[in-house]
Amino acid sequence: MPLELMIDTEQDLVVRVLTGEIEIDEIIASLDNMTEHPGYHAGMKSLNDLREFVPTSSASNVRLMADYLLSNPLEQGVRAAVVVSRSVDYGMTRMLQALADSPAFSIGAFYDIDEAKEWLGVR
């Protein structure tokens, strides 16, 4: 499955694992559909594992994601860690961070999943 979603209610955490090629509209649709998961509630921390993701990233896709995050009230108050394996993906995540970081939404870019978990305050 290219986009896997797990909810850890004990840690108040959404875990997303993206693998292979996934278009930006599929990613946004999965964020919209996440609200249907019985364990989900607005404001949960988010761990996004993109280490095996083959992005079709472009600056315009990053802007689309930033616009979505900033306009979506369900994402307000969220800390989202994004874990990547390639420097180009790290750069795109930092671009997203610059565009979408706000008092209501905070993004962290990481190469190491343990550092991302520490930043989120989860084990």
N, C-alpha and C. Protein backbone atom coordinates (compact mmCIF):
# COMPACT_ATOMS: atom_id res chain seq x y z
N MET A 1 0.85 -1.18 0.00
CA MET A 1 0.00 0.00 0.00
C MET A 1 0.90 1.24 0.00
N PRO A 2 0.70 2.14 -0.94
CA PRO A 2 1.60 3.30 -1.04
C PRO A 2 1.43 4.33 0.07
N LEU A 3 0.25 4.39 0.69
CA LEU A 3 0.04 5.34 1.77
C LEU A 3 -0.66 4.62 2.91
N GLU A 4 0.09 4.40 3.97
CA GLU A 4 -0.43 3.67 5.12
C GLU A 4 -0.66 4.65 6.26
N LEU A 5 -1.80 4.51 6.93
CA LEU A 5 -2.16 5.38 8.04
C LEU A 5 -2.39 4.54 9.28
N MET A 6 -1.74 4.95 10.38
CA MET A 6 -1.95 4.29 11.67
C MET A 6 -2.22 5.38 12.71
N ILE A 7 -3.12 5.09 13.61
CA ILE A 7 -3.44 6.01 14.70
C ILE A 7 -3.02 5.36 16.01
N ASP A 8 -2.18 6.05 16.77
CA ASP A 8 -1.77 5.59 18.08
C ASP A 8 -2.44 6.50 19.10
N THR A 9 -3.60 6.04 19.60
CA THR A 9 -4.38 6.89 20.52
C THR A 9 -3.65 7.09 21.85
N GLU A 10 -2.84 6.12 22.25
CA GLU A 10 -2.11 6.23 23.52
C GLU A 10 -1.13 7.39 23.49
N GLN A 11 -0.49 7.60 22.32
CA GLN A 11 0.49 8.69 22.20
C GLN A 11 -0.08 9.92 21.51
N ASP A 12 -1.39 9.86 21.17
CA ASP A 12 -2.04 10.96 20.48
C ASP A 12 -1.29 11.28 19.19
N LEU A 13 -1.07 10.24 18.38
CA LEU A 13 -0.17 10.32 17.23
C LEU A 13 -0.78 9.69 15.98
N VAL A 14 -0.65 10.41 14.89
CA VAL A 14 -0.97 9.88 13.56
C VAL A 14 0.36 9.52 12.90
N VAL A 15 0.46 8.30 12.39
CA VAL A 15 1.66 7.87 11.68
C VAL A 15 1.26 7.60 10.24
N ARG A 16 1.94 8.27 9.32
CA ARG A 16 1.72 8.05 7.89
C ARG A 16 3.03 7.54 7.29
N VAL A 17 2.92 6.47 6.51
CA VAL A 17 4.08 5.92 5.81
C VAL A 17 3.75 5.97 4.32
N LEU A 18 4.56 6.70 3.57
CA LEU A 18 4.37 6.82 2.13
C LEU A 18 5.48 6.05 1.42
N THR A 19 5.10 5.19 0.47
CA THR A 19 6.08 4.43 -0.30
C THR A 19 5.74 4.52 -1.78
N GLY A 20 6.75 4.50 -2.58
CA GLY A 20 6.55 4.55 -4.03
C GLY A 20 6.12 5.93 -4.48
N GLU A 21 5.53 5.96 -5.68
CA GLU A 21 5.08 7.23 -6.26
C GLU A 21 3.64 7.51 -5.86
N ILE A 22 3.41 8.70 -5.35
CA ILE A 22 2.07 9.14 -4.94
C ILE A 22 1.93 10.59 -5.40
N GLU A 23 0.83 10.87 -6.05
CA GLU A 23 0.57 12.23 -6.52
C GLU A 23 0.08 13.10 -5.37
N ILE A 24 0.27 14.40 -5.48
CA ILE A 24 -0.11 15.34 -4.43
C ILE A 24 -1.61 15.29 -4.14
N ASP A 25 -2.44 15.09 -5.16
CA ASP A 25 -3.89 15.04 -4.91
C ASP A 25 -4.27 13.81 -4.10
N GLU A 26 -3.52 12.70 -4.25
CA GLU A 26 -3.77 11.51 -3.44
C GLU A 26 -3.40 11.76 -1.97
N ILE A 27 -2.31 12.48 -1.76
CA ILE A 27 -1.87 12.79 -0.40
C ILE A 27 -2.90 13.69 0.29
N ILE A 28 -3.36 14.71 -0.41
CA ILE A 28 -4.36 15.61 0.16
C ILE A 28 -5.67 14.87 0.43
N ALA A 29 -6.07 13.99 -0.49
CA ALA A 29 -7.30 13.20 -0.28
C ALA A 29 -7.16 12.32 0.95
N SER A 30 -5.97 11.75 1.16
CA SER A 30 -5.78 10.90 2.34
C SER A 30 -5.87 11.71 3.62
N LEU A 31 -5.40 12.95 3.59
CA LEU A 31 -5.52 13.82 4.77
C LEU A 31 -6.99 14.13 5.04
N ASP A 32 -7.76 14.38 3.98
CA ASP A 32 -9.19 14.63 4.15
C ASP A 32 -9.90 13.39 4.70
N ASN A 33 -9.54 12.21 4.21
CA ASN A 33 -10.19 10.96 4.63
C ASN A 33 -9.78 10.52 6.03
N MET A 34 -8.66 11.03 6.52
CA MET A 34 -8.17 10.64 7.84
C MET A 34 -9.20 10.93 8.94
N THR A 35 -10.02 11.93 8.75
CA THR A 35 -11.01 12.30 9.76
C THR A 35 -12.04 11.21 9.98
N GLU A 36 -12.15 10.27 9.05
CA GLU A 36 -13.11 9.17 9.19
C GLU A 36 -12.58 8.05 10.08
N HIS A 37 -11.30 8.05 10.38
CA HIS A 37 -10.72 7.01 11.23
C HIS A 37 -11.28 7.18 12.65
N PRO A 38 -11.74 6.10 13.27
CA PRO A 38 -12.38 6.22 14.59
C PRO A 38 -11.46 6.74 15.70
N GLY A 39 -10.15 6.56 15.58
CA GLY A 39 -9.25 7.03 16.63
C GLY A 39 -8.74 8.43 16.43
N TYR A 40 -9.08 9.05 15.31
CA TYR A 40 -8.55 10.37 14.97
C TYR A 40 -9.32 11.49 15.67
N HIS A 41 -8.59 12.53 16.06
CA HIS A 41 -9.21 13.78 16.48
C HIS A 41 -8.29 14.92 16.07
N ALA A 42 -8.84 16.08 15.87
CA ALA A 42 -8.07 17.25 15.45
C ALA A 42 -6.98 17.56 16.48
N GLY A 43 -5.82 17.98 15.99
CA GLY A 43 -4.73 18.38 16.86
C GLY A 43 -3.75 17.27 17.22
N MET A 44 -3.93 16.07 16.68
CA MET A 44 -2.99 14.97 16.98
C MET A 44 -1.63 15.28 16.37
N LYS A 45 -0.55 14.84 17.04
CA LYS A 45 0.79 14.95 16.48
C LYS A 45 0.87 14.05 15.25
N SER A 46 1.80 14.35 14.37
CA SER A 46 1.88 13.61 13.11
C SER A 46 3.33 13.23 12.80
N LEU A 47 3.54 11.94 12.57
CA LEU A 47 4.85 11.41 12.16
C LEU A 47 4.69 10.90 10.74
N ASN A 48 5.39 11.51 9.81
CA ASN A 48 5.26 11.20 8.39
C ASN A 48 6.57 10.60 7.89
N ASP A 49 6.54 9.31 7.57
CA ASP A 49 7.72 8.58 7.13
C ASP A 49 7.75 8.56 5.61
N LEU A 50 8.61 9.38 5.03
CA LEU A 50 8.73 9.49 3.58
C LEU A 50 10.05 8.90 3.08
N ARG A 51 10.67 8.05 3.89
CA ARG A 51 11.98 7.52 3.51
C ARG A 51 11.94 6.65 2.27
N GLU A 52 10.80 6.00 1.98
CA GLU A 52 10.67 5.15 0.80
C GLU A 52 9.74 5.78 -0.24
N PHE A 53 9.43 7.04 -0.06
CA PHE A 53 8.55 7.78 -0.95
C PHE A 53 9.34 8.27 -2.16
N VAL A 54 8.75 8.13 -3.33
CA VAL A 54 9.36 8.65 -4.56
C VAL A 54 8.49 9.83 -4.99
N PRO A 55 8.83 11.02 -4.54
CA PRO A 55 7.94 12.15 -4.78
C PRO A 55 7.93 12.62 -6.22
N THR A 56 6.80 13.12 -6.59
CA THR A 56 6.69 13.85 -7.85
C THR A 56 6.69 15.33 -7.45
N SER A 57 7.58 15.64 -6.51
CA SER A 57 7.61 16.96 -5.89
C SER A 57 8.04 18.04 -6.87
N SER A 58 7.42 19.14 -6.68
CA SER A 58 7.79 20.35 -7.38
C SER A 58 7.46 21.49 -6.44
N ALA A 59 7.98 22.65 -6.74
CA ALA A 59 7.68 23.80 -5.89
C ALA A 59 6.18 24.06 -5.86
N SER A 60 5.50 23.85 -6.99
CA SER A 60 4.05 24.10 -7.00
C SER A 60 3.31 23.09 -6.12
N ASN A 61 3.76 21.82 -6.08
CA ASN A 61 3.14 20.83 -5.19
C ASN A 61 3.35 21.18 -3.73
N VAL A 62 4.53 21.68 -3.42
CA VAL A 62 4.82 22.10 -2.05
C VAL A 62 3.90 23.26 -1.67
N ARG A 63 3.70 24.19 -2.58
CA ARG A 63 2.80 25.32 -2.31
C ARG A 63 1.35 24.84 -2.12
N LEU A 64 0.92 23.86 -2.94
CA LEU A 64 -0.42 23.30 -2.77
C LEU A 64 -0.59 22.69 -1.39
N MET A 65 0.41 21.94 -0.94
CA MET A 65 0.34 21.32 0.38
C MET A 65 0.34 22.38 1.48
N ALA A 66 1.18 23.39 1.35
CA ALA A 66 1.21 24.47 2.34
C ALA A 66 -0.14 25.17 2.42
N ASP A 67 -0.73 25.47 1.27
CA ASP A 67 -2.04 26.12 1.25
C ASP A 67 -3.09 25.24 1.93
N TYR A 68 -3.04 23.93 1.64
CA TYR A 68 -3.98 23.00 2.27
C TYR A 68 -3.82 23.01 3.79
N LEU A 69 -2.59 22.89 4.25
CA LEU A 69 -2.35 22.83 5.69
C LEU A 69 -2.77 24.10 6.40
N LEU A 70 -2.49 25.24 5.80
CA LEU A 70 -2.82 26.51 6.44
C LEU A 70 -4.32 26.80 6.42
N SER A 71 -5.03 26.23 5.46
CA SER A 71 -6.45 26.52 5.36
C SER A 71 -7.33 25.46 6.02
N ASN A 72 -6.73 24.39 6.51
CA ASN A 72 -7.51 23.29 7.07
C ASN A 72 -7.59 23.42 8.59
N PRO A 73 -8.77 23.68 9.12
CA PRO A 73 -8.89 23.86 10.58
C PRO A 73 -8.56 22.59 11.37
N LEU A 74 -8.65 21.41 10.75
CA LEU A 74 -8.32 20.17 11.45
C LEU A 74 -6.83 20.05 11.73
N GLU A 75 -6.02 20.77 10.99
CA GLU A 75 -4.59 20.71 11.17
C GLU A 75 -4.07 21.74 12.18
N GLN A 76 -4.94 22.58 12.67
CA GLN A 76 -4.52 23.63 13.60
C GLN A 76 -4.00 23.03 14.89
N GLY A 77 -2.88 23.52 15.36
CA GLY A 77 -2.29 23.05 16.60
C GLY A 77 -1.43 21.81 16.44
N VAL A 78 -1.20 21.38 15.23
CA VAL A 78 -0.47 20.14 14.95
C VAL A 78 1.04 20.37 14.89
N ARG A 79 1.77 19.40 15.44
CA ARG A 79 3.22 19.30 15.22
C ARG A 79 3.40 18.13 14.27
N ALA A 80 4.00 18.37 13.13
CA ALA A 80 4.19 17.33 12.12
C ALA A 80 5.67 17.14 11.84
N ALA A 81 6.16 15.92 12.06
CA ALA A 81 7.53 15.57 11.75
C ALA A 81 7.54 14.83 10.42
N VAL A 82 8.43 15.22 9.53
CA VAL A 82 8.57 14.58 8.22
C VAL A 82 9.97 13.98 8.16
N VAL A 83 10.04 12.66 7.96
CA VAL A 83 11.31 11.95 7.92
C VAL A 83 11.59 11.55 6.47
N VAL A 84 12.75 11.93 5.97
CA VAL A 84 13.12 11.67 4.58
C VAL A 84 14.48 10.99 4.53
N SER A 85 14.83 10.49 3.35
CA SER A 85 16.13 9.84 3.19
C SER A 85 17.02 10.54 2.17
N ARG A 86 16.45 11.42 1.36
CA ARG A 86 17.23 12.08 0.31
C ARG A 86 17.29 13.59 0.56
N SER A 87 18.40 14.19 0.18
CA SER A 87 18.57 15.62 0.43
C SER A 87 17.56 16.47 -0.35
N VAL A 88 17.17 16.05 -1.55
CA VAL A 88 16.17 16.81 -2.30
C VAL A 88 14.84 16.82 -1.56
N ASP A 89 14.47 15.71 -0.94
CA ASP A 89 13.23 15.64 -0.16
C ASP A 89 13.33 16.48 1.11
N TYR A 90 14.51 16.50 1.70
CA TYR A 90 14.73 17.34 2.88
C TYR A 90 14.54 18.80 2.49
N GLY A 91 15.10 19.18 1.34
CA GLY A 91 14.95 20.56 0.87
C GLY A 91 13.50 20.93 0.61
N MET A 92 12.74 20.00 0.00
CA MET A 92 11.32 20.26 -0.25
C MET A 92 10.55 20.37 1.06
N THR A 93 10.92 19.56 2.04
CA THR A 93 10.26 19.63 3.34
C THR A 93 10.58 20.95 4.03
N ARG A 94 11.81 21.40 3.90
CA ARG A 94 12.18 22.70 4.48
C ARG A 94 11.42 23.83 3.78
N MET A 95 11.19 23.68 2.48
CA MET A 95 10.39 24.67 1.76
C MET A 95 8.96 24.68 2.30
N LEU A 96 8.40 23.48 2.50
CA LEU A 96 7.06 23.38 3.09
C LEU A 96 7.05 24.00 4.48
N GLN A 97 8.09 23.75 5.23
CA GLN A 97 8.20 24.32 6.58
C GLN A 97 8.18 25.85 6.51
N ALA A 98 8.92 26.42 5.58
CA ALA A 98 8.97 27.88 5.45
C ALA A 98 7.62 28.45 5.03
N LEU A 99 6.90 27.73 4.17
CA LEU A 99 5.63 28.22 3.67
C LEU A 99 4.48 28.01 4.65
N ALA A 100 4.52 26.91 5.42
CA ALA A 100 3.35 26.54 6.23
C ALA A 100 3.55 26.70 7.74
N ASP A 101 4.78 26.88 8.19
CA ASP A 101 4.99 27.02 9.63
C ASP A 101 4.25 28.25 10.14
N SER A 102 3.51 28.06 11.20
CA SER A 102 2.76 29.15 11.80
C SER A 102 2.55 28.81 13.27
N PRO A 103 2.04 29.73 14.06
CA PRO A 103 1.75 29.39 15.44
C PRO A 103 0.76 28.23 15.56
N ALA A 104 -0.06 28.03 14.51
CA ALA A 104 -1.07 26.98 14.54
C ALA A 104 -0.58 25.65 13.99
N PHE A 105 0.56 25.64 13.30
CA PHE A 105 1.02 24.43 12.65
C PHE A 105 2.54 24.46 12.58
N SER A 106 3.19 23.41 13.07
CA SER A 106 4.64 23.38 13.10
C SER A 106 5.15 22.12 12.40
N ILE A 107 6.11 22.29 11.49
CA ILE A 107 6.68 21.19 10.73
C ILE A 107 8.16 21.07 11.08
N GLY A 108 8.61 19.83 11.26
CA GLY A 108 10.02 19.55 11.46
C GLY A 108 10.50 18.59 10.39
N ALA A 109 11.67 18.84 9.82
CA ALA A 109 12.27 17.98 8.79
C ALA A 109 13.41 17.19 9.42
N PHE A 110 13.43 15.88 9.16
CA PHE A 110 14.42 15.00 9.79
C PHE A 110 14.90 13.93 8.82
N TYR A 111 16.14 13.50 9.03
CA TYR A 111 16.66 12.31 8.35
C TYR A 111 16.52 11.08 9.26
N ASP A 112 16.48 11.31 10.56
CA ASP A 112 16.48 10.22 11.54
C ASP A 112 15.11 10.14 12.22
N ILE A 113 14.49 8.98 12.15
CA ILE A 113 13.14 8.82 12.71
C ILE A 113 13.13 8.95 14.23
N ASP A 114 14.22 8.54 14.89
CA ASP A 114 14.27 8.68 16.35
C ASP A 114 14.34 10.16 16.75
N GLU A 115 15.05 10.97 15.99
CA GLU A 115 15.08 12.41 16.27
C GLU A 115 13.70 13.02 16.05
N ALA A 116 13.00 12.55 15.03
CA ALA A 116 11.65 13.05 14.77
C ALA A 116 10.72 12.70 15.92
N LYS A 117 10.82 11.48 16.41
CA LYS A 117 9.98 11.06 17.54
C LYS A 117 10.30 11.88 18.78
N GLU A 118 11.57 12.13 19.01
CA GLU A 118 11.97 12.94 20.18
C GLU A 118 11.38 14.34 20.06
N TRP A 119 11.45 14.94 18.88
CA TRP A 119 10.91 16.27 18.63
C TRP A 119 9.40 16.31 18.90
N LEU A 120 8.71 15.21 18.53
CA LEU A 120 7.28 15.11 18.76
C LEU A 120 6.93 14.76 20.22
N GLY A 121 7.91 14.24 20.96
CA GLY A 121 7.66 13.82 22.33
C GLY A 121 6.98 12.48 22.44
N VAL A 122 7.29 11.58 21.48
CA VAL A 122 6.71 10.22 21.49
C VAL A 122 7.84 9.20 21.51
N ARG A 123 7.49 7.96 21.81
CA ARG A 123 8.51 6.92 21.83
C ARG A 123 8.47 6.07 20.57
